[in-house]
PDB file of N, CA and C in Angstrom:
ATOM      1  N   MET A   1      47.001 268.249 119.233  1.00  0.00           N
ATOM      2  CA  MET A   1      47.084 268.610 120.896  1.00  0.00           C
ATOM      3  C   MET A   1      48.289 268.250 121.313  1.00  0.00           C
ATOM      4  N   THR A   2      48.780 268.864 122.031  1.00  0.00           N
ATOM      5  CA  THR A   2      50.592 268.488 122.480  1.00  0.00           C
ATOM      6  C   THR A   2      50.270 267.315 123.661  1.00  0.00           C
ATOM      7  N   ILE A   3      51.389 266.026 123.856  1.00  0.00           N
ATOM      8  CA  ILE A   3      51.036 265.089 124.912  1.00  0.00           C
ATOM      9  C   ILE A   3      50.806 265.942 126.283  1.00  0.00           C
ATOM     10  N   ARG A   4      51.498 266.759 126.066  1.00  0.00           N
ATOM     11  CA  ARG A   4      51.546 267.290 127.426  1.00  0.00           C
ATOM     12  C   ARG A   4      50.070 266.910 127.470  1.00  0.00           C
ATOM     13  N   GLN A   5      48.825 268.542 126.408  1.00  0.00           N
ATOM     14  CA  GLN A   5      47.645 268.148 126.936  1.00  0.00           C
ATOM     15  C   GLN A   5      47.240 267.264 126.742  1.00  0.00           C
ATOM     16  N   MET A   6      47.210 265.685 126.169  1.00  0.00           N
ATOM     17  CA  MET A   6      46.197 264.983 126.120  1.00  0.00           C
ATOM     18  C   MET A   6      46.252 264.045 128.300  1.00  0.00           C
ATOM     19  N   GLN A   7      47.692 264.833 127.806  1.00  0.00           N
ATOM     20  CA  GLN A   7      48.458 263.922 130.042  1.00  0.00           C
ATOM     21  C   GLN A   7      47.372 264.746 130.655  1.00  0.00           C
ATOM     22  N   GLN A   8      46.808 265.685 129.771  1.00  0.00           N
ATOM     23  CA  GLN A   8      46.145 266.740 131.416  1.00  0.00           C
ATOM     24  C   GLN A   8      44.580 266.340 130.812  1.00  0.00           C
ATOM     25  N   ILE A   9      44.613 266.058 130.086  1.00  0.00           N
ATOM     26  CA  ILE A   9      42.857 265.401 130.144  1.00  0.00           C
ATOM     27  C   ILE A   9      42.102 263.373 130.408  1.00  0.00           C
ATOM     28  N   ALA A  10      44.000 262.817 130.313  1.00  0.00           N
ATOM     29  CA  ALA A  10      43.817 261.566 130.916  1.00  0.00           C
ATOM     30  C   ALA A  10      43.662 261.813 132.306  1.00  0.00           C
ATOM     31  N   ASP A  11      44.590 262.729 133.429  1.00  0.00           N
ATOM     32  CA  ASP A  11      45.002 263.135 134.795  1.00  0.00           C
ATOM     33  C   ASP A  11      43.456 263.945 134.736  1.00  0.00           C
ATOM     34  N   LEU A  12      42.457 264.385 134.721  1.00  0.00           N
ATOM     35  CA  LEU A  12      41.636 264.878 134.769  1.00  0.00           C
ATOM     36  C   LEU A  12      40.182 264.294 134.587  1.00  0.00           C
ATOM     37  N   ARG A  13      40.032 262.898 133.615  1.00  0.00           N
ATOM     38  CA  ARG A  13      39.194 261.517 133.577  1.00  0.00           C
ATOM     39  C   ARG A  13      39.023 260.762 134.155  1.00  0.00           C
ATOM     40  N   ARG A  14      40.577 260.719 134.837  1.00  0.00           N
ATOM     41  CA  ARG A  14      41.098 259.526 135.749  1.00  0.00           C
ATOM     42  C   ARG A  14      40.005 260.202 136.970  1.00  0.00           C
ATOM     43  N   GLN A  15      40.666 261.931 136.995  1.00  0.00           N
ATOM     44  CA  GLN A  15      39.225 262.314 138.588  1.00  0.00           C
ATOM     45  C   GLN A  15      37.838 262.492 138.812  1.00  0.00           C
ATOM     46  N   GLY A  16      36.717 261.357 137.416  1.00  0.00           N
ATOM     47  CA  GLY A  16      36.320 261.315 137.654  1.00  0.00           C
ATOM     48  C   GLY A  16      35.427 262.954 136.800  1.00  0.00           C
ATOM     49  N   SER A  17      34.040 262.325 136.745  1.00  0.00           N
ATOM     50  CA  SER A  17      33.467 263.246 136.336  1.00  0.00           C
ATOM     51  C   SER A  17      33.135 264.363 137.038  1.00  0.00           C
ATOM     52  N   ALA A  18      33.625 264.885 138.060  1.00  0.00           N
ATOM     53  CA  ALA A  18      34.152 265.832 137.739  1.00  0.00           C
ATOM     54  C   ALA A  18      34.654 267.316 137.812  1.00  0.00           C
ATOM     55  N   THR A  19      35.075 266.741 136.246  1.00  0.00           N
ATOM     56  CA  THR A  19      36.042 267.117 135.595  1.00  0.00           C
ATOM     57  C   THR A  19      35.477 267.385 134.366  1.00  0.00           C
ATOM     58  N   THR A  20      34.750 266.910 134.048  1.00  0.00           N
ATOM     59  CA  THR A  20      33.529 267.334 132.414  1.00  0.00           C
ATOM     60  C   THR A  20      33.715 268.102 131.965  1.00  0.00           C
ATOM     61  N   LYS A  21      33.109 269.362 132.545  1.00  0.00           N
ATOM     62  CA  LYS A  21      33.524 270.431 131.395  1.00  0.00           C
ATOM     63  C   LYS A  21      35.104 271.093 131.815  1.00  0.00           C
ATOM     64  N   GLU A  22      35.400 270.612 132.700  1.00  0.00           N
ATOM     65  CA  GLU A  22      36.945 270.909 131.202  1.00  0.00           C
ATOM     66  C   GLU A  22      37.487 271.099 130.871  1.00  0.00           C
ATOM     67  N   ARG A  23      37.478 269.697 131.037  1.00  0.00           N
ATOM     68  CA  ARG A  23      37.931 268.796 129.523  1.00  0.00           C
ATOM     69  C   ARG A  23      37.223 268.808 128.480  1.00  0.00           C
ATOM     70  N   ARG A  24      35.209 269.088 129.050  1.00  0.00           N
ATOM     71  CA  ARG A  24      34.852 269.864 127.341  1.00  0.00           C
ATOM     72  C   ARG A  24      35.727 270.707 127.209  1.00  0.00           C
ATOM     73  N   ILE A  25      35.756 271.395 128.052  1.00  0.00           N
ATOM     74  CA  ILE A  25      36.609 273.118 127.081  1.00  0.00           C
ATOM     75  C   ILE A  25      38.109 272.583 126.622  1.00  0.00           C
ATOM     76  N   LEU A  26      38.830 272.351 127.567  1.00  0.00           N
ATOM     77  CA  LEU A  26      40.022 271.277 126.620  1.00  0.00           C
ATOM     78  C   LEU A  26      40.107 271.106 125.253  1.00  0.00           C
ATOM     79  N   LEU A  27      38.924 270.350 124.876  1.00  0.00           N
ATOM     80  CA  LEU A  27      38.311 269.611 123.960  1.00  0.00           C
ATOM     81  C   LEU A  27      37.958 270.696 122.939  1.00  0.00           C
ATOM     82  N   GLU A  28      37.087 271.830 123.746  1.00  0.00           N
ATOM     83  CA  GLU A  28      36.509 273.043 122.247  1.00  0.00           C
ATOM     84  C   GLU A  28      37.545 273.991 121.974  1.00  0.00           C
ATOM     85  N   VAL A  29      38.684 274.166 123.259  1.00  0.00           N
ATOM     86  CA  VAL A  29      40.184 274.767 123.033  1.00  0.00           C
ATOM     87  C   VAL A  29      40.662 273.690 121.448  1.00  0.00           C
ATOM     88  N   HIS A  30      40.921 272.412 122.048  1.00  0.00           N
ATOM     89  CA  HIS A  30      41.672 272.324 120.555  1.00  0.00           C
ATOM     90  C   HIS A  30      40.974 271.844 119.340  1.00  0.00           C
ATOM     91  N   LYS A  31      39.750 271.798 119.263  1.00  0.00           N
ATOM     92  CA  LYS A  31      38.177 271.991 118.326  1.00  0.00           C
ATOM     93  C   LYS A  31      39.451 272.789 116.941  1.00  0.00           C
ATOM     94  N   ASN A  32      39.380 274.315 117.982  1.00  0.00           N
ATOM     95  CA  ASN A  32      39.379 275.466 117.791  1.00  0.00           C
ATOM     96  C   ASN A  32      40.272 275.655 117.086  1.00  0.00           C
ATOM     97  N   LYS A  33      42.029 274.791 117.936  1.00  0.00           N
ATOM     98  CA  LYS A  33      43.138 275.511 116.810  1.00  0.00           C
ATOM     99  C   LYS A  33      42.430 274.368 115.838  1.00  0.00           C
ATOM    100  N   LEU A  34      42.035 272.806 115.538  1.00  0.00           N
ATOM    101  CA  LEU A  34      42.036 272.931 114.536  1.00  0.00           C
ATOM    102  C   LEU A  34      41.820 273.361 112.635  1.00  0.00           C
ATOM    103  N   ALA A  35      40.359 273.728 114.123  1.00  0.00           N
ATOM    104  CA  ALA A  35      39.645 274.397 112.614  1.00  0.00           C
ATOM    105  C   ALA A  35      40.659 276.029 112.096  1.00  0.00           C
ATOM    106  N   GLU A  36      41.261 276.299 112.768  1.00  0.00           N
ATOM    107  CA  GLU A  36      41.338 277.278 111.946  1.00  0.00           C
ATOM    108  C   GLU A  36      43.408 277.027 111.490  1.00  0.00           C
ATOM    109  N   GLN A  37      44.064 275.933 111.637  1.00  0.00           N
ATOM    110  CA  GLN A  37      44.753 275.009 110.932  1.00  0.00           C
ATOM    111  C   GLN A  37      44.529 274.486 109.213  1.00  0.00           C
ATOM    112  N   ILE A  38      42.813 273.883 109.938  1.00  0.00           N
ATOM    113  CA  ILE A  38      42.356 273.586 108.438  1.00  0.00           C
ATOM    114  C   ILE A  38      42.033 274.503 107.956  1.00  0.00           C
ATOM    115  N   GLU A  39      41.793 275.955 108.024  1.00  0.00           N
ATOM    116  CA  GLU A  39      41.508 277.136 107.078  1.00  0.00           C
ATOM    117  C   GLU A  39      42.356 277.142 106.562  1.00  0.00           C
ATOM    118  N   ARG A  40      43.859 277.564 107.174  1.00  0.00           N
ATOM    119  CA  ARG A  40      44.531 277.937 106.653  1.00  0.00           C
ATOM    120  C   ARG A  40      45.740 277.090 105.497  1.00  0.00           C
ATOM    121  N   LEU A  41      45.317 275.635 105.786  1.00  0.00           N
ATOM    122  CA  LEU A  41      45.655 274.801 105.291  1.00  0.00           C
ATOM    123  C   LEU A  41      44.558 274.597 102.957  1.00  0.00           C
ATOM    124  N   GLN A  42      44.347 275.061 103.019  1.00  0.00           N
ATOM    125  CA  GLN A  42      42.608 274.623 102.442  1.00  0.00           C
ATOM    126  C   GLN A  42      43.012 275.702 102.298  1.00  0.00           C
ATOM    127  N   GLU A  43      43.793 277.503 102.926  1.00  0.00           N
ATOM    128  CA  GLU A  43      44.547 278.334 101.866  1.00  0.00           C
ATOM    129  C   GLU A  43      45.664 278.038 101.050  1.00  0.00           C
ATOM    130  N   HIS A  44      46.109 277.931 101.479  1.00  0.00           N
ATOM    131  CA  HIS A  44      47.129 277.092 101.258  1.00  0.00           C
ATOM    132  C   HIS A  44      47.183 276.439  99.863  1.00  0.00           C
ATOM    133  N   TYR A  45      46.521 274.650  99.632  1.00  0.00           N
ATOM    134  CA  TYR A  45      45.777 274.238  99.074  1.00  0.00           C
ATOM    135  C   TYR A  45      45.344 274.266  98.139  1.00  0.00           C
ATOM    136  N   LYS A  46      44.505 275.896  97.932  1.00  0.00           N
ATOM    137  CA  LYS A  46      43.904 276.729  96.866  1.00  0.00           C
ATOM    138  C   LYS A  46      44.912 277.581  95.706  1.00  0.00           C
ATOM    139  N   VAL A  47      45.713 278.125  96.793  1.00  0.00           N
ATOM    140  CA  VAL A  47      47.444 278.793  96.507  1.00  0.00           C
ATOM    141  C   VAL A  47      47.613 276.967  95.404  1.00  0.00           C
ATOM    142  N   ILE A  48      47.654 277.100  95.871  1.00  0.00           N
ATOM    143  CA  ILE A  48      48.853 275.872  94.768  1.00  0.00           C
ATOM    144  C   ILE A  48      47.895 274.815  93.955  1.00  0.00           C
ATOM    145  N   ASN A  49      46.620 275.179  93.698  1.00  0.00           N
ATOM    146  CA  ASN A  49      46.112 274.968  93.669  1.00  0.00           C
ATOM    147  C   ASN A  49      45.922 275.906  91.168  1.00  0.00           C
ATOM    148  N   GLU A  50      46.335 276.550  91.847  1.00  0.00           N
ATOM    149  CA  GLU A  50      46.200 277.669  91.056  1.00  0.00           C
ATOM    150  C   GLU A  50      47.827 278.458  90.674  1.00  0.00           C
ATOM    151  N   LYS A  51      48.718 277.756  91.246  1.00  0.00           N
ATOM    152  CA  LYS A  51      49.477 278.164  90.438  1.00  0.00           C
ATOM    153  C   LYS A  51      50.703 277.045  89.970  1.00  0.00           C
ATOM    154  N   ILE A  52      49.340 275.685  90.066  1.00  0.00           N
ATOM    155  CA  ILE A  52      49.409 274.933  89.100  1.00  0.00           C
ATOM    156  C   ILE A  52      48.456 275.070  87.469  1.00  0.00           C
ATOM    157  N   GLU A  53      47.877 275.814  88.089  1.00  0.00           N
ATOM    158  CA  GLU A  53      46.673 275.522  86.634  1.00  0.00           C
ATOM    159  C   GLU A  53      48.158 276.509  85.888  1.00  0.00           C
ATOM    160  N   ILE A  54      48.053 277.579  86.573  1.00  0.00           N
ATOM    161  CA  ILE A  54      49.085 278.339  85.651  1.00  0.00           C
ATOM    162  C   ILE A  54      50.371 278.455  85.217  1.00  0.00           C
ATOM    163  N   TYR A  55      50.741 276.664  86.028  1.00  0.00           N
ATOM    164  CA  TYR A  55      51.858 276.368  84.984  1.00  0.00           C
ATOM    165  C   TYR A  55      51.758 276.020  83.579  1.00  0.00           C
ATOM    166  N   ARG A  56      50.549 275.243  83.795  1.00  0.00           N
ATOM    167  CA  ARG A  56      49.353 274.090  82.874  1.00  0.00           C
ATOM    168  C   ARG A  56      49.752 274.700  81.371  1.00  0.00           C
ATOM    169  N   GLN A  57      48.744 275.952  81.868  1.00  0.00           N
ATOM    170  CA  GLN A  57      48.777 277.474  81.587  1.00  0.00           C
ATOM    171  C   GLN A  57      50.003 277.560  80.275  1.00  0.00           C
ATOM    172  N   TRP A  58      50.948 277.955  80.994  1.00  0.00           N
ATOM    173  CA  TRP A  58      52.162 278.157  80.744  1.00  0.00           C
ATOM    174  C   TRP A  58      52.916 276.840  79.397  1.00  0.00           C
ATOM    175  N   GLU A  59      52.764 275.898  79.788  1.00  0.00           N
ATOM    176  CA  GLU A  59      53.056 274.554  79.300  1.00  0.00           C
ATOM    177  C   GLU A  59      52.608 274.460  77.873  1.00  0.00           C
ATOM    178  N   LEU A  60      50.768 274.876  78.015  1.00  0.00           N
ATOM    179  CA  LEU A  60      49.669 274.455  76.860  1.00  0.00           C
ATOM    180  C   LEU A  60      50.901 275.980  75.712  1.00  0.00           C
ATOM    181  N   GLU A  61      51.089 276.655  76.293  1.00  0.00           N
ATOM    182  CA  GLU A  61      51.881 278.050  75.354  1.00  0.00           C
ATOM    183  C   GLU A  61      52.902 277.983  74.908  1.00  0.00           C
ATOM    184  N   ASN A  62      53.929 277.017  75.396  1.00  0.00           N
ATOM    185  CA  ASN A  62      55.147 277.273  75.187  1.00  0.00           C
ATOM    186  C   ASN A  62      56.025 275.875  75.550  1.00  0.00           C
ATOM    187  N   PRO A  63      54.961 274.746  74.156  1.00  0.00           N
ATOM    188  CA  PRO A  63      55.904 273.749  74.545  1.00  0.00           C
ATOM    189  C   PRO A  63      57.051 272.745  74.103  1.00  0.00           C
ATOM    190  N   GLN A  64      57.455 274.266  73.308  1.00  0.00           N
ATOM    191  CA  GLN A  64      59.366 274.207  73.205  1.00  0.00           C
ATOM    192  C   GLN A  64      60.293 273.715  73.952  1.00  0.00           C
ATOM    193  N   LEU A  65      58.887 274.086  75.619  1.00  0.00           N
ATOM    194  CA  LEU A  65      60.183 274.398  76.163  1.00  0.00           C
ATOM    195  C   LEU A  65      60.031 272.704  77.665  1.00  0.00           C
ATOM    196  N   GLU A  66      59.107 271.723  77.232  1.00  0.00           N
ATOM    197  CA  GLU A  66      59.133 270.670  78.030  1.00  0.00           C
ATOM    198  C   GLU A  66      60.144 270.446  78.379  1.00  0.00           C
ATOM    199  N   VAL A  67      59.903 270.139  79.565  1.00  0.00           N
ATOM    200  CA  VAL A  67      61.201 269.169  81.151  1.00  0.00           C
ATOM    201  C   VAL A  67      61.184 268.161  81.511  1.00  0.00           C
ATOM    202  N   ALA A  68      62.374 267.658  81.451  1.00  0.00           N
ATOM    203  CA  ALA A  68      61.214 265.948  82.612  1.00  0.00           C
ATOM    204  C   ALA A  68      61.527 265.852  83.048  1.00  0.00           C
ATOM    205  N   VAL A  69      60.902 265.561  84.357  1.00  0.00           N
ATOM    206  CA  VAL A  69      60.606 266.468  86.345  1.00  0.00           C
ATOM    207  C   VAL A  69      60.354 264.543  86.675  1.00  0.00           C
ATOM    208  N   GLU A  70      61.677 263.731  87.828  1.00  0.00           N
ATOM    209  CA  GLU A  70      60.773 263.007  88.525  1.00  0.00           C
ATOM    210  C   GLU A  70      60.880 263.493  90.166  1.00  0.00           C
ATOM    211  N   GLN A  71      60.246 262.374  89.615  1.00  0.00           N
ATOM    212  CA  GLN A  71      59.214 262.448  90.984  1.00  0.00           C
ATOM    213  C   GLN A  71      59.458 261.565  91.853  1.00  0.00           C
TER     214      GLN A  71
END
Protein backbone atom coordinates (compact mmCIF):
# COMPACT_ATOMS: atom_id res chain seq x y z
CA MET A 1 0.00 0.00 0.00
CA THR A 2 1.41 3.35 -0.97
CA ILE A 3 1.73 6.22 1.47
CA ARG A 4 -0.90 8.04 -0.55
CA GLN A 5 -3.33 5.16 -0.10
CA MET A 6 -2.62 5.02 3.64
CA GLN A 7 -3.29 8.76 3.85
CA GLN A 8 -6.52 8.27 1.94
CA ILE A 9 -7.70 5.63 4.43
CA ALA A 10 -6.66 7.86 7.36
CA ASP A 11 -8.59 10.77 5.85
CA LEU A 12 -11.64 8.59 5.40
CA ARG A 13 -11.35 7.33 8.98
CA ARG A 14 -11.36 10.91 10.25
CA GLN A 15 -14.59 11.47 8.35
CA GLY A 16 -16.29 8.86 10.50
CA SER A 17 -18.39 5.77 10.09
CA ALA A 18 -20.05 7.01 6.91
CA THR A 19 -16.84 6.03 5.06
CA THR A 20 -16.61 2.48 6.42
CA LYS A 21 -17.63 0.84 3.15
CA GLU A 22 -15.12 2.86 1.12
CA ARG A 23 -12.32 2.00 3.57
CA ARG A 24 -13.24 -1.67 3.44
CA ILE A 25 -13.17 -1.64 -0.36
CA LEU A 26 -9.75 0.02 -0.38
CA LEU A 27 -8.45 -2.61 2.03
CA GLU A 28 -9.94 -5.44 -0.03
CA VAL A 29 -8.22 -4.11 -3.16
CA HIS A 30 -4.95 -3.95 -1.25
CA LYS A 31 -5.47 -7.48 0.09
CA ASN A 32 -6.02 -8.81 -3.45
CA LYS A 33 -2.83 -7.13 -4.68
CA LEU A 34 -0.92 -8.66 -1.77
CA ALA A 35 -2.32 -12.10 -2.61
CA GLU A 36 -1.06 -11.72 -6.19
CA GLN A 37 2.38 -10.67 -4.96
CA ILE A 38 2.52 -13.59 -2.54
CA GLU A 39 1.60 -15.99 -5.33
CA ARG A 40 4.38 -14.61 -7.56
CA LEU A 41 6.89 -14.82 -4.70
CA GLN A 42 5.88 -18.42 -4.00
CA GLU A 43 6.46 -19.26 -7.68
CA HIS A 44 9.90 -17.63 -7.55
CA TYR A 45 10.68 -19.47 -4.30
CA LYS A 46 9.76 -22.78 -5.92
CA VAL A 47 11.99 -22.10 -8.93
CA ILE A 48 14.92 -21.12 -6.73
CA ASN A 49 14.54 -24.31 -4.68
CA GLU A 50 14.45 -26.36 -7.87
CA LYS A 51 17.64 -24.68 -9.11
CA ILE A 52 19.35 -25.27 -5.77
CA GLU A 53 18.45 -28.95 -5.99
CA ILE A 54 19.85 -29.15 -9.52
CA TYR A 55 23.12 -27.61 -8.34
CA ARG A 56 23.31 -29.97 -5.35
CA GLN A 57 22.84 -32.94 -7.61
CA TRP A 58 25.44 -31.60 -10.03
CA GLU A 59 27.90 -31.12 -7.15
CA LEU A 60 27.35 -34.71 -6.01
CA GLU A 61 28.01 -35.94 -9.51
CA ASN A 62 31.11 -33.71 -9.93
CA PRO A 63 32.90 -33.49 -6.57
CA GLN A 64 36.19 -32.56 -8.23
CA LEU A 65 34.72 -29.16 -9.19
CA GLU A 66 34.01 -27.93 -5.66
CA VAL A 67 34.62 -24.18 -5.34
CA ALA A 68 34.72 -22.06 -2.18
CA VAL A 69 31.91 -19.52 -2.02
CA GLU A 70 31.93 -16.35 0.07
CA GLN A 71 28.72 -15.63 1.95
